[in-house]
C-alpha atoms as a PDB file:
ATOM      1  CA  MET A   1      -3.066 -14.282   3.171  1.00  0.00           C
ATOM      2  CA  ILE A   2      -2.031 -11.129   4.874  1.00  0.00           C
ATOM      3  CA  GLU A   3      -3.091 -11.331   8.539  1.00  0.00           C
ATOM      4  CA  LYS A   4      -3.656  -8.958  11.254  1.00  0.00           C
ATOM      5  CA  THR A   5      -4.724  -9.039  15.082  1.00  0.00           C
ATOM      6  CA  ALA A   6      -7.726  -6.901  15.799  1.00  0.00           C
ATOM      7  CA  VAL A   7     -10.508  -6.424  18.479  1.00  0.00           C
ATOM      8  CA  VAL A   8     -14.038  -6.756  17.542  1.00  0.00           C
ATOM      9  CA  ILE A   9     -15.892  -3.299  18.435  1.00  0.00           C
ATOM     10  CA  SER A  10     -19.442  -4.238  17.301  1.00  0.00           C
ATOM     11  CA  THR A  11     -21.246  -6.726  15.047  1.00  0.00           C
ATOM     12  CA  ASN A  12     -24.044  -6.177  12.488  1.00  0.00           C
ATOM     13  CA  GLN A  13     -25.658  -8.992  10.235  1.00  0.00           C
ATOM     14  CA  GLY A  14     -22.607 -11.206   9.305  1.00  0.00           C
ATOM     15  CA  HIS A  15     -20.197  -8.429   9.570  1.00  0.00           C
ATOM     16  CA  ALA A  16     -18.076  -6.920  12.220  1.00  0.00           C
ATOM     17  CA  TRP A  17     -16.391  -3.512  13.074  1.00  0.00           C
ATOM     18  CA  VAL A  18     -12.857  -4.227  14.216  1.00  0.00           C
ATOM     19  CA  LYS A  19      -9.968  -2.069  15.445  1.00  0.00           C
ATOM     20  CA  SER A  20      -6.440  -3.044  15.011  1.00  0.00           C
ATOM     21  CA  GLU A  21      -4.490  -3.971  18.037  1.00  0.00           C
ATOM     22  CA  ASP A  22      -1.411  -1.743  18.764  1.00  0.00           C
ATOM     23  CA  ASN A  23       1.649  -4.115  18.556  1.00  0.00           C
ATOM     24  CA  SER A  24       4.308  -2.460  20.855  1.00  0.00           C
ATOM     25  CA  THR A  25       7.112  -4.412  19.487  1.00  0.00           C
ATOM     26  CA  CYS A  26       6.681  -2.925  16.036  1.00  0.00           C
ATOM     27  CA  HIS A  27       7.503   0.545  17.287  1.00  0.00           C
ATOM     28  CA  SER A  28      10.982  -0.585  18.610  1.00  0.00           C
ATOM     29  CA  CYS A  29      11.995  -1.991  15.196  1.00  0.00           C
ATOM     30  CA  SER A  30      14.479  -0.010  13.302  1.00  0.00           C
ATOM     31  CA  SER A  31      12.547  -0.269  10.114  1.00  0.00           C
ATOM     32  CA  SER A  32       9.093   0.444  11.472  1.00  0.00           C
ATOM     33  CA  ALA A  33       8.566   3.452   9.355  1.00  0.00           C
ATOM     34  CA  GLY A  34       8.839   1.613   5.988  1.00  0.00           C
ATOM     35  CA  CYS A  35       7.216  -1.793   7.165  1.00  0.00           C
ATOM     36  CA  SER A  36       4.063  -2.753   5.339  1.00  0.00           C
ATOM     37  CA  SER A  37       2.822  -4.714   8.321  1.00  0.00           C
ATOM     38  CA  THR A  38       2.222  -1.368  10.582  1.00  0.00           C
ATOM     39  CA  SER A  39       0.692   0.733   7.912  1.00  0.00           C
ATOM     40  CA  HIS A  40      -2.156   0.934   5.287  1.00  0.00           C
ATOM     41  CA  PHE A  41      -3.841  -2.466   6.157  1.00  0.00           C
ATOM     42  CA  PHE A  42      -5.842  -1.120   9.240  1.00  0.00           C
ATOM     43  CA  THR A  43      -4.409   2.314   9.787  1.00  0.00           C
ATOM     44  CA  GLU A  44      -4.446   5.665   7.981  1.00  0.00           C
ATOM     45  CA  SER A  45      -1.319   6.698   9.733  1.00  0.00           C
ATOM     46  CA  ASN A  46       1.206   4.929  11.769  1.00  0.00           C
ATOM     47  CA  THR A  47      -0.046   6.237  15.045  1.00  0.00           C
ATOM     48  CA  GLU A  48      -3.794   6.360  14.752  1.00  0.00           C
ATOM     49  CA  PRO A  49      -5.548   2.950  14.250  1.00  0.00           C
ATOM     50  CA  SER A  50      -8.879   3.016  12.419  1.00  0.00           C
ATOM     51  CA  LYS A  51     -11.969   0.842  12.414  1.00  0.00           C
ATOM     52  CA  MET A  52     -12.754  -1.641   9.450  1.00  0.00           C
ATOM     53  CA  LEU A  53     -15.541  -3.405   8.543  1.00  0.00           C
ATOM     54  CA  VAL A  54     -15.043  -7.179   7.949  1.00  0.00           C
ATOM     55  CA  ALA A  55     -17.043 -10.276   7.092  1.00  0.00           C
ATOM     56  CA  ASN A  56     -17.821 -12.250  10.389  1.00  0.00           C
ATOM     57  CA  PRO A  57     -18.420 -15.855   9.474  1.00  0.00           C
ATOM     58  CA  PHE A  58     -17.545 -16.999  12.913  1.00  0.00           C
ATOM     59  CA  HIS A  59     -20.124 -14.828  14.670  1.00  0.00           C
ATOM     60  CA  ALA A  60     -17.371 -13.163  16.900  1.00  0.00           C
ATOM     61  CA  LYS A  61     -18.766 -10.893  19.649  1.00  0.00           C
ATOM     62  CA  PRO A  62     -17.638  -7.410  20.592  1.00  0.00           C
ATOM     63  CA  GLY A  63     -14.364  -7.703  22.722  1.00  0.00           C
ATOM     64  CA  ASP A  64     -13.123 -10.804  21.089  1.00  0.00           C
ATOM     65  CA  HIS A  65      -9.563 -10.737  19.881  1.00  0.00           C
ATOM     66  CA  VAL A  66      -9.396 -12.116  16.488  1.00  0.00           C
ATOM     67  CA  ILE A  67      -7.195 -12.608  13.400  1.00  0.00           C
ATOM     68  CA  VAL A  68      -8.294 -10.878  10.326  1.00  0.00           C
ATOM     69  CA  GLY A  69      -7.255 -11.834   6.871  1.00  0.00           C
ATOM     70  CA  LEU A  70      -6.925 -10.331   3.383  1.00  0.00           C
ATOM     71  CA  PRO A  71      -6.064 -12.661   0.451  1.00  0.00           C
ATOM     72  CA  SER A  72      -2.941 -11.662  -1.163  1.00  0.00           C
ATOM     73  CA  ASP A  73      -3.847 -13.182  -4.391  1.00  0.00           C
ATOM     74  CA  GLY A  74      -6.705 -10.581  -4.789  1.00  0.00           C
ATOM     75  CA  LEU A  75      -4.555  -7.927  -3.614  1.00  0.00           C
ATOM     76  CA  LEU A  76      -2.062  -8.553  -6.299  1.00  0.00           C
ATOM     77  CA  LYS A  77      -4.577  -8.616  -9.002  1.00  0.00           C
ATOM     78  CA  SER A  78      -6.391  -5.418  -7.716  1.00  0.00           C
ATOM     79  CA  SER A  79      -2.713  -3.839  -7.643  1.00  0.00           C
ATOM     80  CA  LEU A  80      -1.952  -4.801 -11.223  1.00  0.00           C
ATOM     81  CA  LEU A  81      -5.355  -3.446 -12.326  1.00  0.00           C
ATOM     82  CA  ALA A  82      -5.024  -0.184 -10.349  1.00  0.00           C
ATOM     83  CA  TYR A  83      -1.472   0.592 -11.562  1.00  0.00           C
ATOM     84  CA  LEU A  84      -0.418  -1.115 -14.543  1.00  0.00           C
ATOM     85  CA  LEU A  85      -3.751  -0.952 -16.718  1.00  0.00           C
ATOM     86  CA  PRO A  86      -3.967   2.767 -16.594  1.00  0.00           C
ATOM     87  CA  LEU A  87      -0.231   3.174 -17.130  1.00  0.00           C
ATOM     88  CA  ILE A  88      -0.423   0.900 -20.240  1.00  0.00           C
ATOM     89  CA  SER A  89      -3.556   2.813 -21.438  1.00  0.00           C
ATOM     90  CA  LEU A  90      -1.859   6.128 -20.857  1.00  0.00           C
ATOM     91  CA  LEU A  91       1.077   5.224 -23.077  1.00  0.00           C
ATOM     92  CA  VAL A  92      -0.989   3.585 -25.671  1.00  0.00           C
ATOM     93  CA  PHE A  93      -3.298   6.710 -26.025  1.00  0.00           C
ATOM     94  CA  ALA A  94      -0.312   9.169 -25.809  1.00  0.00           C
ATOM     95  CA  PHE A  95       1.398   7.336 -28.790  1.00  0.00           C
ATOM     96  CA  LEU A  96      -1.953   7.172 -30.741  1.00  0.00           C
ATOM     97  CA  GLY A  97      -2.518  10.946 -29.883  1.00  0.00           C
ATOM     98  CA  ASN A  98       0.914  12.007 -31.385  1.00  0.00           C
ATOM     99  CA  GLU A  99       0.506   9.921 -34.423  1.00  0.00           C
ATOM    100  CA  LEU A 100      -3.002  11.278 -35.163  1.00  0.00           C
ATOM    101  CA  PHE A 101      -2.105  14.925 -34.593  1.00  0.00           C
ATOM    102  CA  ILE A 102       0.993  14.568 -36.759  1.00  0.00           C
ATOM    103  CA  TRP A 103      -1.279  12.937 -39.402  1.00  0.00           C
ATOM    104  CA  PHE A 104      -3.529  15.878 -39.401  1.00  0.00           C
ATOM    105  CA  SER A 105      -0.658  18.314 -39.532  1.00  0.00           C
ATOM    106  CA  GLY A 106      -1.067  19.341 -36.039  1.00  0.00           C
ATOM    107  CA  ASN A 107       1.315  19.599 -32.904  1.00  0.00           C
ATOM    108  CA  GLY A 108       2.164  15.923 -32.079  1.00  0.00           C
ATOM    109  CA  GLU A 109       3.178  16.766 -28.628  1.00  0.00           C
ATOM    110  CA  PHE A 110      -0.009  18.369 -27.670  1.00  0.00           C
ATOM    111  CA  GLY A 111      -1.969  15.393 -29.126  1.00  0.00           C
ATOM    112  CA  ALA A 112       0.151  13.050 -27.007  1.00  0.00           C
ATOM    113  CA  ILE A 113      -0.540  14.935 -23.797  1.00  0.00           C
ATOM    114  CA  LEU A 114      -4.138  15.354 -24.606  1.00  0.00           C
ATOM    115  CA  LEU A 115      -5.043  11.646 -25.455  1.00  0.00           C
ATOM    116  CA  GLY A 116      -2.549  10.468 -22.780  1.00  0.00           C
ATOM    117  CA  ILE A 117      -4.555  12.213 -20.015  1.00  0.00           C
ATOM    118  CA  ALA A 118      -7.735  10.789 -21.660  1.00  0.00           C
ATOM    119  CA  GLY A 119      -6.111   7.362 -21.805  1.00  0.00           C
ATOM    120  CA  LEU A 120      -5.007   7.443 -18.152  1.00  0.00           C
ATOM    121  CA  PHE A 121      -8.668   8.281 -16.919  1.00  0.00           C
ATOM    122  CA  ALA A 122      -9.908   5.566 -19.429  1.00  0.00           C
ATOM    123  CA  GLY A 123      -7.749   2.974 -17.905  1.00  0.00           C
ATOM    124  CA  LEU A 124      -8.741   3.983 -14.293  1.00  0.00           C
ATOM    125  CA  ARG A 125     -12.393   3.808 -15.345  1.00  0.00           C
ATOM    126  CA  PHE A 126     -11.936   0.499 -17.133  1.00  0.00           C
ATOM    127  CA  SER A 127     -10.005  -1.173 -14.229  1.00  0.00           C
ATOM    128  CA  ASN A 128     -12.889   0.044 -11.999  1.00  0.00           C
ATOM    129  CA  THR A 129     -15.484  -1.501 -14.042  1.00  0.00           C
ATOM    130  CA  VAL A 130     -13.290  -4.862 -14.279  1.00  0.00           C
ATOM    131  CA  VAL A 131     -13.265  -4.840 -10.512  1.00  0.00           C
ATOM    132  CA  GLN A 132     -16.983  -4.227 -10.114  1.00  0.00           C
ATOM    133  CA  CYS A 133     -18.031  -6.973 -12.779  1.00  0.00           C
ATOM    134  CA  THR A 134     -15.770  -9.831 -11.645  1.00  0.00           C
ATOM    135  CA  ASP A 135     -15.448 -11.892  -8.331  1.00  0.00           C
ATOM    136  CA  LEU A 136     -12.276  -9.721  -7.518  1.00  0.00           C
ATOM    137  CA  LYS A 137     -14.413  -7.527  -5.247  1.00  0.00           C
ATOM    138  CA  GLU A 138     -15.237 -10.442  -3.038  1.00  0.00           C
ATOM    139  CA  LYS A 139     -11.553 -11.552  -2.928  1.00  0.00           C
ATOM    140  CA  LEU A 140     -10.791  -7.819  -1.486  1.00  0.00           C
ATOM    141  CA  GLN A 141     -13.084  -8.278   1.391  1.00  0.00           C
ATOM    142  CA  PRO A 142     -11.188  -8.743   4.747  1.00  0.00           C
ATOM    143  CA  VAL A 143     -12.766 -11.546   6.847  1.00  0.00           C
ATOM    144  CA  ILE A 144     -12.266 -12.858  10.314  1.00  0.00           C
ATOM    145  CA  LEU A 145     -10.128 -16.040  10.302  1.00  0.00           C
ATOM    146  CA  ARG A 146     -10.136 -17.261  13.855  1.00  0.00           C
ATOM    147  CA  ASN A 147     -10.006 -16.169  17.293  1.00  0.00           C
ATOM    148  CA  ASN A 148      -6.785 -14.938  18.706  1.00  0.00           C
ATOM    149  CA  ILE A 149      -5.073 -16.075  21.861  1.00  0.00           C
ATOM    150  CA  SER A 150      -6.685 -14.837  24.885  1.00  0.00           C
ATOM    151  CA  ASN A 151      -4.704 -12.733  27.225  1.00  0.00           C
ATOM    152  CA  ASN A 152      -6.521 -13.832  30.379  1.00  0.00           C
ATOM    153  CA  GLU A 153      -6.845 -17.620  29.921  1.00  0.00           C
ATOM    154  CA  HIS A 154      -3.716 -18.218  27.900  1.00  0.00           C
ATOM    155  CA  ASP A 155      -5.296 -20.707  25.575  1.00  0.00           C
ATOM    156  CA  ILE A 156      -6.337 -20.710  21.875  1.00  0.00           C
ATOM    157  CA  LYS A 157      -9.975 -20.330  21.166  1.00  0.00           C
ATOM    158  CA  PHE A 158     -11.170 -21.428  17.644  1.00  0.00           C
ATOM    159  CA  LEU A 159     -14.784 -20.310  16.645  1.00  0.00           C
ATOM    160  CA  THR A 160     -16.628 -22.550  14.294  1.00  0.00           C
ATOM    161  CA  PRO A 161     -18.884 -21.324  11.649  1.00  0.00           C
ATOM    162  CA  ILE A 162     -22.688 -21.566  12.279  1.00  0.00           C
ATOM    163  CA  VAL A 163     -24.296 -23.334   9.132  1.00  0.00           C
END
C-alpha cells in the first residue's frame, strides 16, 4: 500500500477531495528530485500540490488530516497493462506486417512500421478495455485509510466506518 498524508478539503457522498500535505523534510533530501514519494501520487509537479478525489469510508470532515492509500498490487497490474501489453502488441504486429508485406512482394519495412503503429494503438485500446471490464478499476481508487496524528492534540485519532 502506497500511503500519503493529506488534508480533507471537502466531502461529497462517500468521497472526499484531499490536498497533499507539504513535507518540508523531503525538500532537504539530496535525492528529492528523483524520489517517487514526492511526485506523481498527489502532485502534477514537485512544487504545486493538487487536489484528488478519494473514497471516504470513514466520513472524514473538511480540515481533517488523513492518510490516503493506493493499493500497490493494483498499481503494478495497471502498469503492466499500460506499458507491457502495448509494447508486445507493437512487436507482434510489426513482425506480422513485415512478413505479410514481403509475402505480397512489398516493402517489408513499410509493413512493419504501418502495422507496428496499428499494433501499438490496438494494445493501448485493449489494455483500456481490460481495465474497464475487470475489478482493476476499483483497485486503483485511492481511499482514506485512517486519520493522521493531530498537530494540536498530539494524539492519534482513528475513525471507524459507519455501517
